[in-house]
Amino acid sequence: MMKLLAVVSATAMDLEDNLPERVRSALSRNSDADVGLLVSGSRDEIAAAVDSAASEGVDRVVAVGGDGTVSAVAAALVGGDIPLAIVPLGSGNVLAETLGIPSKRDGAIEMAREGASVRSIDAMRVDGRFAFLNAGIGVSSLTVRDVPHEAKRVFGRLAYLVTGIGKAVSAGPAEFRVAIDGTERTLQAIEVSVVNAALTKERPVFLFPGIRPDDGALDVLVVWAPSVPGFLRKAAEATLGWTELERNVQWSLARSTIVVDANPELPVQADGDIVGTTPVTIEVVRGALGVVTPPGRSW
């Protein structure tokens, strides 16, 4: 009998009446699966529940929610042998999209319950905290810090875009010191992003299709612009899928460690949460955990 733990995002509860029990029922449909259930938005609660489930012999943990919930569950599984399954249910589902997880709930639940293909993905350790999508310093972190909560709930990604444009105009470039695997450079930029999993062709904003979550490296993107209007024009083009911002991005590969400092001091975001301020150290964690994915998926 398969044992599952389903972690349902507390913020997803507004989407559907009795959501946790519906998820439990769907995961055990046509099988004798034993499905435990946790509803939480707390990383500490999630970590404790995953530890307890591991000691009880759970076969896999199912994250039901957006990227925040997925990241919290994945962080709790790093270093163990229990795979992560994902049922995307939020305004941001970048990791699920990158890994080819079905966007429809029924298909994602079927894969979580029955999928046999497990692939390892990398992670990054951001000053001790695990992240799986990206870490950012500059426009992205100022946006995450200051985007209104109600705007996020109502407008989703559009709220981030509008706030980000405002930050690009008001903040301007900062002086960054970026050391990649021990080699340091000083430069003026509006953003330094460290990326493990990129957006896919279906979501072309800041698209870099060569970035893979299983290549044992992190991609460091330094975004600059000769002028604020130039940056805004390029950002608008990228949003519409017209360009990849290549002329405004310096792209490097890190196989070990990235250290970023900034003047003035800037917040640091990791997977959409503010995790501290500069300076920050980001480490590559190869093969951090296994994820249930479609068989033969090419990233």
C-alpha atoms as a PDB file:
ATOM      1  CA  MET A   1       0.000   0.000   0.000  1.00  0.00           C
ATOM      2  CA  MET A   2       1.427   3.362  -1.038  1.00  0.00           C
ATOM      3  CA  LYS A   3       1.681   6.019   1.655  1.00  0.00           C
ATOM      4  CA  LEU A   4       1.386   9.657   0.619  1.00  0.00           C
ATOM      5  CA  LEU A   5       1.508  12.954   2.460  1.00  0.00           C
ATOM      6  CA  ALA A   6      -0.409  15.763   0.737  1.00  0.00           C
ATOM      7  CA  VAL A   7       0.585  19.293   1.762  1.00  0.00           C
ATOM      8  CA  VAL A   8      -2.166  21.711   0.703  1.00  0.00           C
ATOM      9  CA  SER A   9      -1.462  25.426   0.563  1.00  0.00           C
ATOM     10  CA  ALA A  10      -3.506  27.367   3.104  1.00  0.00           C
ATOM     11  CA  THR A  11      -3.970  30.194   0.583  1.00  0.00           C
ATOM     12  CA  ALA A  12      -5.470  27.752  -1.928  1.00  0.00           C
ATOM     13  CA  MET A  13      -8.333  27.024   0.450  1.00  0.00           C
ATOM     14  CA  ASP A  14     -10.253  29.986  -0.977  1.00  0.00           C
ATOM     15  CA  LEU A  15     -10.310  28.384  -4.411  1.00  0.00           C
ATOM     16  CA  GLU A  16     -12.695  25.552  -3.620  1.00  0.00           C
ATOM     17  CA  ASP A  17     -14.887  24.328  -0.788  1.00  0.00           C
ATOM     18  CA  ASN A  18     -13.503  21.346   1.129  1.00  0.00           C
ATOM     19  CA  LEU A  19     -10.357  21.347  -1.029  1.00  0.00           C
ATOM     20  CA  PRO A  20      -8.133  19.185   1.233  1.00  0.00           C
ATOM     21  CA  GLU A  21     -10.641  16.332   1.410  1.00  0.00           C
ATOM     22  CA  ARG A  22     -11.208  16.535  -2.337  1.00  0.00           C
ATOM     23  CA  VAL A  23      -7.459  16.201  -2.849  1.00  0.00           C
ATOM     24  CA  ARG A  24      -7.252  13.282  -0.423  1.00  0.00           C
ATOM     25  CA  SER A  25     -10.132  11.522  -2.166  1.00  0.00           C
ATOM     26  CA  ALA A  26      -8.617  12.039  -5.611  1.00  0.00           C
ATOM     27  CA  LEU A  27      -5.189  10.769  -4.513  1.00  0.00           C
ATOM     28  CA  SER A  28      -6.686   7.567  -3.119  1.00  0.00           C
ATOM     29  CA  ARG A  29      -9.138   6.977  -5.980  1.00  0.00           C
ATOM     30  CA  ASN A  30      -8.983   3.498  -7.508  1.00  0.00           C
ATOM     31  CA  SER A  31      -6.249   2.483  -5.083  1.00  0.00           C
ATOM     32  CA  ASP A  32      -5.661   1.582  -1.458  1.00  0.00           C
ATOM     33  CA  ALA A  33      -3.276   4.516  -0.935  1.00  0.00           C
ATOM     34  CA  ASP A  34      -2.977   5.823   2.602  1.00  0.00           C
ATOM     35  CA  VAL A  35      -3.064   9.628   2.258  1.00  0.00           C
ATOM     36  CA  GLY A  36      -2.047  11.883   5.121  1.00  0.00           C
ATOM     37  CA  LEU A  37      -3.024  15.549   4.954  1.00  0.00           C
ATOM     38  CA  LEU A  38      -1.488  18.834   6.089  1.00  0.00           C
ATOM     39  CA  VAL A  39      -2.950  22.274   5.412  1.00  0.00           C
ATOM     40  CA  SER A  40      -0.332  24.902   6.091  1.00  0.00           C
ATOM     41  CA  GLY A  41       1.463  27.976   4.840  1.00  0.00           C
ATOM     42  CA  SER A  42       4.248  27.654   7.415  1.00  0.00           C
ATOM     43  CA  ARG A  43       7.639  26.315   6.315  1.00  0.00           C
ATOM     44  CA  ASP A  44       8.344  25.108   9.865  1.00  0.00           C
ATOM     45  CA  GLU A  45       5.091  23.117  10.011  1.00  0.00           C
ATOM     46  CA  ILE A  46       5.774  21.644   6.595  1.00  0.00           C
ATOM     47  CA  ALA A  47       9.311  20.629   7.567  1.00  0.00           C
ATOM     48  CA  ALA A  48       8.066  18.976  10.785  1.00  0.00           C
ATOM     49  CA  ALA A  49       5.309  17.097   8.951  1.00  0.00           C
ATOM     50  CA  VAL A  50       7.718  15.846   6.270  1.00  0.00           C
ATOM     51  CA  ASP A  51      10.185  14.658   8.912  1.00  0.00           C
ATOM     52  CA  SER A  52       7.409  12.800  10.719  1.00  0.00           C
ATOM     53  CA  ALA A  53       6.122  11.269   7.480  1.00  0.00           C
ATOM     54  CA  ALA A  54       9.634  10.115   6.567  1.00  0.00           C
ATOM     55  CA  SER A  55       9.970   8.290   9.871  1.00  0.00           C
ATOM     56  CA  GLU A  56       6.642   6.573   9.164  1.00  0.00           C
ATOM     57  CA  GLY A  57       7.774   5.319   5.750  1.00  0.00           C
ATOM     58  CA  VAL A  58       5.870   7.659   3.427  1.00  0.00           C
ATOM     59  CA  ASP A  59       6.524   6.892  -0.261  1.00  0.00           C
ATOM     60  CA  ARG A  60       6.183  10.419  -1.620  1.00  0.00           C
ATOM     61  CA  VAL A  61       5.077  13.892  -0.595  1.00  0.00           C
ATOM     62  CA  VAL A  62       2.586  15.787  -2.749  1.00  0.00           C
ATOM     63  CA  ALA A  63       2.750  19.595  -2.771  1.00  0.00           C
ATOM     64  CA  VAL A  64      -0.658  21.068  -3.672  1.00  0.00           C
ATOM     65  CA  GLY A  65      -0.357  24.776  -4.349  1.00  0.00           C
ATOM     66  CA  GLY A  66       1.801  27.386  -6.045  1.00  0.00           C
ATOM     67  CA  ASP A  67       5.548  27.866  -6.153  1.00  0.00           C
ATOM     68  CA  GLY A  68       5.701  28.978  -2.509  1.00  0.00           C
ATOM     69  CA  THR A  69       4.209  25.737  -1.226  1.00  0.00           C
ATOM     70  CA  VAL A  70       6.213  23.648  -3.686  1.00  0.00           C
ATOM     71  CA  SER A  71       9.451  25.344  -2.619  1.00  0.00           C
ATOM     72  CA  ALA A  72       8.713  24.806   1.093  1.00  0.00           C
ATOM     73  CA  VAL A  73       7.944  21.114   0.601  1.00  0.00           C
ATOM     74  CA  ALA A  74      10.954  20.617  -1.677  1.00  0.00           C
ATOM     75  CA  ALA A  75      13.243  22.251   0.890  1.00  0.00           C
ATOM     76  CA  ALA A  76      12.037  19.805   3.532  1.00  0.00           C
ATOM     77  CA  LEU A  77      12.881  16.876   1.236  1.00  0.00           C
ATOM     78  CA  VAL A  78      16.431  17.919   0.263  1.00  0.00           C
ATOM     79  CA  GLY A  79      18.988  15.257   1.064  1.00  0.00           C
ATOM     80  CA  GLY A  80      16.467  12.454   1.558  1.00  0.00           C
ATOM     81  CA  ASP A  81      15.196   9.706  -0.720  1.00  0.00           C
ATOM     82  CA  ILE A  82      11.488  10.626  -0.706  1.00  0.00           C
ATOM     83  CA  PRO A  83      10.391  12.125  -4.042  1.00  0.00           C
ATOM     84  CA  LEU A  84       8.282  15.236  -4.479  1.00  0.00           C
ATOM     85  CA  ALA A  85       5.078  15.204  -6.527  1.00  0.00           C
ATOM     86  CA  ILE A  86       3.402  18.466  -7.557  1.00  0.00           C
ATOM     87  CA  VAL A  87      -0.224  19.416  -8.075  1.00  0.00           C
ATOM     88  CA  PRO A  88      -0.029  23.038  -9.301  1.00  0.00           C
ATOM     89  CA  LEU A  89      -2.733  25.195  -7.788  1.00  0.00           C
ATOM     90  CA  GLY A  90      -1.702  28.826  -7.583  1.00  0.00           C
ATOM     91  CA  SER A  91      -1.039  32.016  -9.500  1.00  0.00           C
ATOM     92  CA  GLY A  92       2.636  31.056  -9.889  1.00  0.00           C
ATOM     93  CA  ASN A  93       3.459  27.514 -11.014  1.00  0.00           C
ATOM     94  CA  VAL A  94       6.837  28.031 -12.673  1.00  0.00           C
ATOM     95  CA  LEU A  95       8.579  24.908 -11.354  1.00  0.00           C
ATOM     96  CA  ALA A  96       5.646  22.657 -12.275  1.00  0.00           C
ATOM     97  CA  GLU A  97       5.533  24.214 -15.725  1.00  0.00           C
ATOM     98  CA  THR A  98       9.280  23.782 -16.213  1.00  0.00           C
ATOM     99  CA  LEU A  99       9.113  20.119 -15.201  1.00  0.00           C
ATOM    100  CA  GLY A 100       6.154  19.398 -17.484  1.00  0.00           C
ATOM    101  CA  ILE A 101       3.652  18.678 -14.717  1.00  0.00           C
ATOM    102  CA  PRO A 102       0.091  18.728 -16.108  1.00  0.00           C
ATOM    103  CA  SER A 103      -1.628  22.043 -15.421  1.00  0.00           C
ATOM    104  CA  LYS A 104      -5.033  20.374 -15.026  1.00  0.00           C
ATOM    105  CA  ARG A 105      -5.613  19.060 -11.518  1.00  0.00           C
ATOM    106  CA  ASP A 106      -6.857  15.622 -12.526  1.00  0.00           C
ATOM    107  CA  GLY A 107      -3.780  14.948 -14.650  1.00  0.00           C
ATOM    108  CA  ALA A 108      -1.399  16.244 -11.985  1.00  0.00           C
ATOM    109  CA  ILE A 109      -3.060  14.143  -9.270  1.00  0.00           C
ATOM    110  CA  GLU A 110      -2.916  11.039 -11.431  1.00  0.00           C
ATOM    111  CA  MET A 111       0.812  11.603 -11.968  1.00  0.00           C
ATOM    112  CA  ALA A 112       1.343  12.263  -8.251  1.00  0.00           C
ATOM    113  CA  ARG A 113      -0.460   9.013  -7.399  1.00  0.00           C
ATOM    114  CA  GLU A 114       0.781   6.709 -10.126  1.00  0.00           C
ATOM    115  CA  GLY A 115       3.772   8.331 -11.840  1.00  0.00           C
ATOM    116  CA  ALA A 116       6.886   6.174 -11.767  1.00  0.00           C
ATOM    117  CA  SER A 117       9.375   8.519 -13.454  1.00  0.00           C
ATOM    118  CA  VAL A 118      11.489  10.303 -10.830  1.00  0.00           C
ATOM    119  CA  ARG A 119      14.239  12.709 -11.890  1.00  0.00           C
ATOM    120  CA  SER A 120      16.726  14.593  -9.755  1.00  0.00           C
ATOM    121  CA  ILE A 121      16.832  18.388  -9.824  1.00  0.00           C
ATOM    122  CA  ASP A 122      19.322  20.835  -8.395  1.00  0.00           C
ATOM    123  CA  ALA A 123      18.739  23.486  -5.748  1.00  0.00           C
ATOM    124  CA  MET A 124      20.504  26.563  -4.467  1.00  0.00           C
ATOM    125  CA  ARG A 125      21.334  27.328  -0.858  1.00  0.00           C
ATOM    126  CA  VAL A 126      20.747  31.037  -0.251  1.00  0.00           C
ATOM    127  CA  ASP A 127      22.477  31.912   3.025  1.00  0.00           C
ATOM    128  CA  GLY A 128      21.328  28.548   4.388  1.00  0.00           C
ATOM    129  CA  ARG A 129      17.823  28.487   2.889  1.00  0.00           C
ATOM    130  CA  PHE A 130      17.016  26.208  -0.056  1.00  0.00           C
ATOM    131  CA  ALA A 131      15.448  27.609  -3.223  1.00  0.00           C
ATOM    132  CA  PHE A 132      14.642  25.895  -6.507  1.00  0.00           C
ATOM    133  CA  LEU A 133      13.616  28.605  -9.001  1.00  0.00           C
ATOM    134  CA  ASN A 134      15.700  31.711  -8.560  1.00  0.00           C
ATOM    135  CA  ALA A 135      17.231  34.239  -6.231  1.00  0.00           C
ATOM    136  CA  GLY A 136      17.289  37.915  -7.124  1.00  0.00           C
ATOM    137  CA  ILE A 137      18.836  41.132  -5.912  1.00  0.00           C
ATOM    138  CA  GLY A 138      17.653  44.454  -7.306  1.00  0.00           C
ATOM    139  CA  VAL A 139      14.408  45.159  -9.132  1.00  0.00           C
ATOM    140  CA  SER A 140      13.039  41.664  -8.420  1.00  0.00           C
ATOM    141  CA  SER A 141      13.704  41.771  -4.679  1.00  0.00           C
ATOM    142  CA  LEU A 142      12.416  45.333  -4.305  1.00  0.00           C
ATOM    143  CA  THR A 143       9.284  44.246  -6.172  1.00  0.00           C
ATOM    144  CA  VAL A 144       8.750  41.157  -3.997  1.00  0.00           C
ATOM    145  CA  ARG A 145       9.248  43.261  -0.890  1.00  0.00           C
ATOM    146  CA  ASP A 146       6.873  46.055  -1.874  1.00  0.00           C
ATOM    147  CA  VAL A 147       4.132  44.592  -4.095  1.00  0.00           C
ATOM    148  CA  PRO A 148       0.813  45.063  -2.248  1.00  0.00           C
ATOM    149  CA  HIS A 149      -0.632  41.803  -0.909  1.00  0.00           C
ATOM    150  CA  GLU A 150      -4.136  42.628  -2.117  1.00  0.00           C
ATOM    151  CA  ALA A 151      -2.812  43.406  -5.598  1.00  0.00           C
ATOM    152  CA  LYS A 152      -1.094  39.998  -5.699  1.00  0.00           C
ATOM    153  CA  ARG A 153      -4.344  38.286  -4.764  1.00  0.00           C
ATOM    154  CA  VAL A 154      -6.451  40.169  -7.319  1.00  0.00           C
ATOM    155  CA  PHE A 155      -4.078  40.694 -10.255  1.00  0.00           C
ATOM    156  CA  GLY A 156      -1.493  37.900  -9.878  1.00  0.00           C
ATOM    157  CA  ARG A 157       1.604  38.323 -12.062  1.00  0.00           C
ATOM    158  CA  LEU A 158       0.359  41.646 -13.433  1.00  0.00           C
ATOM    159  CA  ALA A 159       0.775  43.150  -9.957  1.00  0.00           C
ATOM    160  CA  TYR A 160       4.442  42.142  -9.978  1.00  0.00           C
ATOM    161  CA  LEU A 161       4.971  43.597 -13.454  1.00  0.00           C
ATOM    162  CA  VAL A 162       3.440  46.968 -12.549  1.00  0.00           C
ATOM    163  CA  THR A 163       5.359  47.182  -9.270  1.00  0.00           C
ATOM    164  CA  GLY A 164       8.568  46.084 -11.005  1.00  0.00           C
ATOM    165  CA  ILE A 165       8.291  48.841 -13.597  1.00  0.00           C
ATOM    166  CA  GLY A 166       7.880  51.351 -10.789  1.00  0.00           C
ATOM    167  CA  LYS A 167      10.971  49.998  -9.026  1.00  0.00           C
ATOM    168  CA  ALA A 168      13.047  50.102 -12.205  1.00  0.00           C
ATOM    169  CA  VAL A 169      12.166  53.773 -12.634  1.00  0.00           C
ATOM    170  CA  SER A 170      12.626  54.835  -9.009  1.00  0.00           C
ATOM    171  CA  ALA A 171      15.561  52.701  -7.867  1.00  0.00           C
ATOM    172  CA  GLY A 172      17.931  52.945 -10.814  1.00  0.00           C
ATOM    173  CA  PRO A 173      21.193  50.993 -11.050  1.00  0.00           C
ATOM    174  CA  ALA A 174      23.280  49.939  -8.067  1.00  0.00           C
ATOM    175  CA  GLU A 175      26.948  49.032  -7.802  1.00  0.00           C
ATOM    176  CA  PHE A 176      27.241  45.248  -7.551  1.00  0.00           C
ATOM    177  CA  ARG A 177      30.222  43.129  -6.608  1.00  0.00           C
ATOM    178  CA  VAL A 178      29.600  39.648  -7.978  1.00  0.00           C
ATOM    179  CA  ALA A 179      31.997  36.748  -7.358  1.00  0.00           C
ATOM    180  CA  ILE A 180      31.277  33.615  -9.404  1.00  0.00           C
ATOM    181  CA  ASP A 181      33.295  30.559  -8.380  1.00  0.00           C
ATOM    182  CA  GLY A 182      35.912  32.894  -6.899  1.00  0.00           C
ATOM    183  CA  THR A 183      36.190  35.342  -9.819  1.00  0.00           C
ATOM    184  CA  GLU A 184      34.935  38.800  -8.813  1.00  0.00           C
ATOM    185  CA  ARG A 185      33.632  41.667 -10.920  1.00  0.00           C
ATOM    186  CA  THR A 186      32.243  45.094 -10.049  1.00  0.00           C
ATOM    187  CA  LEU A 187      29.513  46.510 -12.264  1.00  0.00           C
ATOM    188  CA  GLN A 188      26.500  48.798 -12.440  1.00  0.00           C
ATOM    189  CA  ALA A 189      23.182  46.970 -12.867  1.00  0.00           C
ATOM    190  CA  ILE A 190      19.535  47.039 -11.910  1.00  0.00           C
ATOM    191  CA  GLU A 191      19.293  43.292 -11.156  1.00  0.00           C
ATOM    192  CA  VAL A 192      21.409  40.240 -10.457  1.00  0.00           C
ATOM    193  CA  SER A 193      19.441  37.005 -10.760  1.00  0.00           C
ATOM    194  CA  VAL A 194      20.649  33.485 -10.010  1.00  0.00           C
ATOM    195  CA  VAL A 195      18.423  31.027 -11.851  1.00  0.00           C
ATOM    196  CA  ASN A 196      17.950  27.269 -11.510  1.00  0.00           C
ATOM    197  CA  ALA A 197      14.683  26.813 -13.432  1.00  0.00           C
ATOM    198  CA  ALA A 198      13.605  29.125 -16.227  1.00  0.00           C
ATOM    199  CA  LEU A 199      10.214  30.003 -17.557  1.00  0.00           C
ATOM    200  CA  THR A 200       9.119  27.921 -20.534  1.00  0.00           C
ATOM    201  CA  LYS A 201       8.075  28.882 -24.025  1.00  0.00           C
ATOM    202  CA  GLU A 202       4.461  29.111 -22.899  1.00  0.00           C
ATOM    203  CA  ARG A 203       5.454  31.966 -20.528  1.00  0.00           C
ATOM    204  CA  PRO A 204       8.018  34.019 -22.464  1.00  0.00           C
ATOM    205  CA  VAL A 205       8.815  36.791 -19.948  1.00  0.00           C
ATOM    206  CA  PHE A 206      12.636  36.888 -19.529  1.00  0.00           C
ATOM    207  CA  LEU A 207      12.886  33.631 -21.470  1.00  0.00           C
ATOM    208  CA  PHE A 208      16.188  31.736 -21.404  1.00  0.00           C
ATOM    209  CA  PRO A 209      15.461  28.220 -22.710  1.00  0.00           C
ATOM    210  CA  GLY A 210      19.002  26.929 -22.085  1.00  0.00           C
ATOM    211  CA  ILE A 211      18.567  27.019 -18.310  1.00  0.00           C
ATOM    212  CA  ARG A 212      17.991  23.525 -16.893  1.00  0.00           C
ATOM    213  CA  PRO A 213      17.142  22.487 -13.332  1.00  0.00           C
ATOM    214  CA  ASP A 214      19.293  19.338 -13.551  1.00  0.00           C
ATOM    215  CA  ASP A 215      22.570  20.494 -15.090  1.00  0.00           C
ATOM    216  CA  GLY A 216      24.563  20.830 -11.860  1.00  0.00           C
ATOM    217  CA  ALA A 217      25.030  24.566 -12.332  1.00  0.00           C
ATOM    218  CA  LEU A 218      23.290  27.885 -11.732  1.00  0.00           C
ATOM    219  CA  ASP A 219      22.868  30.635 -14.314  1.00  0.00           C
ATOM    220  CA  VAL A 220      23.813  34.147 -13.221  1.00  0.00           C
ATOM    221  CA  LEU A 221      22.040  36.913 -15.139  1.00  0.00           C
ATOM    222  CA  VAL A 222      23.131  40.527 -14.697  1.00  0.00           C
ATOM    223  CA  VAL A 223      20.483  42.860 -16.125  1.00  0.00           C
ATOM    224  CA  TRP A 224      21.564  46.321 -17.146  1.00  0.00           C
ATOM    225  CA  ALA A 225      20.119  49.047 -19.333  1.00  0.00           C
ATOM    226  CA  PRO A 226      21.623  52.190 -20.841  1.00  0.00           C
ATOM    227  CA  SER A 227      18.536  54.116 -19.739  1.00  0.00           C
ATOM    228  CA  VAL A 228      15.309  53.601 -17.843  1.00  0.00           C
ATOM    229  CA  PRO A 229      13.205  54.062 -21.029  1.00  0.00           C
ATOM    230  CA  GLY A 230      15.416  51.491 -22.746  1.00  0.00           C
ATOM    231  CA  PHE A 231      14.852  48.981 -19.972  1.00  0.00           C
ATOM    232  CA  LEU A 232      11.098  49.599 -19.927  1.00  0.00           C
ATOM    233  CA  ARG A 233      10.927  49.130 -23.689  1.00  0.00           C
ATOM    234  CA  LYS A 234      12.812  45.846 -23.468  1.00  0.00           C
ATOM    235  CA  ALA A 235      10.712  44.666 -20.522  1.00  0.00           C
ATOM    236  CA  ALA A 236       7.522  45.410 -22.463  1.00  0.00           C
ATOM    237  CA  GLU A 237       8.863  43.527 -25.497  1.00  0.00           C
ATOM    238  CA  ALA A 238       9.774  40.530 -23.348  1.00  0.00           C
ATOM    239  CA  THR A 239       6.340  40.529 -21.729  1.00  0.00           C
ATOM    240  CA  LEU A 240       4.810  40.308 -25.184  1.00  0.00           C
ATOM    241  CA  GLY A 241       7.240  37.565 -26.210  1.00  0.00           C
ATOM    242  CA  TRP A 242       9.076  39.677 -28.789  1.00  0.00           C
ATOM    243  CA  THR A 243      12.610  39.357 -27.468  1.00  0.00           C
ATOM    244  CA  GLU A 244      14.727  37.558 -24.911  1.00  0.00           C
ATOM    245  CA  LEU A 245      16.470  40.675 -23.508  1.00  0.00           C
ATOM    246  CA  GLU A 246      19.778  39.197 -24.667  1.00  0.00           C
ATOM    247  CA  ARG A 247      21.346  42.585 -25.421  1.00  0.00           C
ATOM    248  CA  ASN A 248      20.606  43.737 -21.877  1.00  0.00           C
ATOM    249  CA  VAL A 249      21.828  40.667 -20.012  1.00  0.00           C
ATOM    250  CA  GLN A 250      25.274  39.382 -19.122  1.00  0.00           C
ATOM    251  CA  TRP A 251      25.026  35.629 -18.671  1.00  0.00           C
ATOM    252  CA  SER A 252      27.481  33.502 -16.674  1.00  0.00           C
ATOM    253  CA  LEU A 253      27.506  29.951 -15.330  1.00  0.00           C
ATOM    254  CA  ALA A 254      28.288  29.086 -11.703  1.00  0.00           C
ATOM    255  CA  ARG A 255      29.233  25.564 -10.655  1.00  0.00           C
ATOM    256  CA  SER A 256      29.965  26.203  -7.010  1.00  0.00           C
ATOM    257  CA  THR A 257      29.299  29.544  -5.299  1.00  0.00           C
ATOM    258  CA  ILE A 258      28.023  33.033  -6.067  1.00  0.00           C
ATOM    259  CA  VAL A 259      28.608  35.927  -3.667  1.00  0.00           C
ATOM    260  CA  VAL A 260      26.703  39.168  -4.318  1.00  0.00           C
ATOM    261  CA  ASP A 261      27.119  42.491  -2.551  1.00  0.00           C
ATOM    262  CA  ALA A 262      25.508  45.804  -3.468  1.00  0.00           C
ATOM    263  CA  ASN A 263      25.856  49.497  -2.764  1.00  0.00           C
ATOM    264  CA  PRO A 264      23.375  50.620  -1.567  1.00  0.00           C
ATOM    265  CA  GLU A 265      22.332  47.545   0.448  1.00  0.00           C
ATOM    266  CA  LEU A 266      19.484  45.657  -1.228  1.00  0.00           C
ATOM    267  CA  PRO A 267      16.990  42.985  -0.144  1.00  0.00           C
ATOM    268  CA  VAL A 268      17.416  39.419  -1.412  1.00  0.00           C
ATOM    269  CA  GLN A 269      14.499  37.314  -2.642  1.00  0.00           C
ATOM    270  CA  ALA A 270      14.523  33.547  -3.090  1.00  0.00           C
ATOM    271  CA  ASP A 271      11.592  31.776  -4.748  1.00  0.00           C
ATOM    272  CA  GLY A 272       9.431  34.840  -4.147  1.00  0.00           C
ATOM    273  CA  ASP A 273      10.227  35.377  -0.440  1.00  0.00           C
ATOM    274  CA  ILE A 274      12.480  38.018   1.072  1.00  0.00           C
ATOM    275  CA  VAL A 275      15.234  36.066   2.858  1.00  0.00           C
ATOM    276  CA  GLY A 276      17.672  38.791   3.890  1.00  0.00           C
ATOM    277  CA  THR A 277      19.827  41.609   2.546  1.00  0.00           C
ATOM    278  CA  THR A 278      23.151  41.872   0.764  1.00  0.00           C
ATOM    279  CA  PRO A 279      25.800  40.569   0.985  1.00  0.00           C
ATOM    280  CA  VAL A 280      24.500  37.093   0.174  1.00  0.00           C
ATOM    281  CA  THR A 281      26.161  33.755  -0.590  1.00  0.00           C
ATOM    282  CA  ILE A 282      24.425  31.333  -2.947  1.00  0.00           C
ATOM    283  CA  GLU A 283      25.674  27.763  -3.315  1.00  0.00           C
ATOM    284  CA  VAL A 284      24.938  25.108  -5.936  1.00  0.00           C
ATOM    285  CA  VAL A 285      23.324  21.951  -4.511  1.00  0.00           C
ATOM    286  CA  ARG A 286      23.494  19.255  -7.178  1.00  0.00           C
ATOM    287  CA  GLY A 287      20.841  16.531  -7.341  1.00  0.00           C
ATOM    288  CA  ALA A 288      19.075  17.975  -4.302  1.00  0.00           C
ATOM    289  CA  LEU A 289      15.901  15.903  -4.585  1.00  0.00           C
ATOM    290  CA  GLY A 290      13.837  13.656  -6.831  1.00  0.00           C
ATOM    291  CA  VAL A 291      10.640  14.892  -8.490  1.00  0.00           C
ATOM    292  CA  VAL A 292       7.883  12.855 -10.116  1.00  0.00           C
ATOM    293  CA  THR A 293       7.809  13.997 -13.756  1.00  0.00           C
ATOM    294  CA  PRO A 294       6.335  12.835 -17.066  1.00  0.00           C
ATOM    295  CA  PRO A 295       8.403   9.995 -18.578  1.00  0.00           C
ATOM    296  CA  GLY A 296      10.738  11.162 -21.318  1.00  0.00           C
ATOM    297  CA  ARG A 297      10.280  14.839 -20.492  1.00  0.00           C
ATOM    298  CA  SER A 298      12.935  16.987 -22.202  1.00  0.00           C
ATOM    299  CA  TRP A 299      13.865  20.167 -20.349  1.00  0.00           C
END
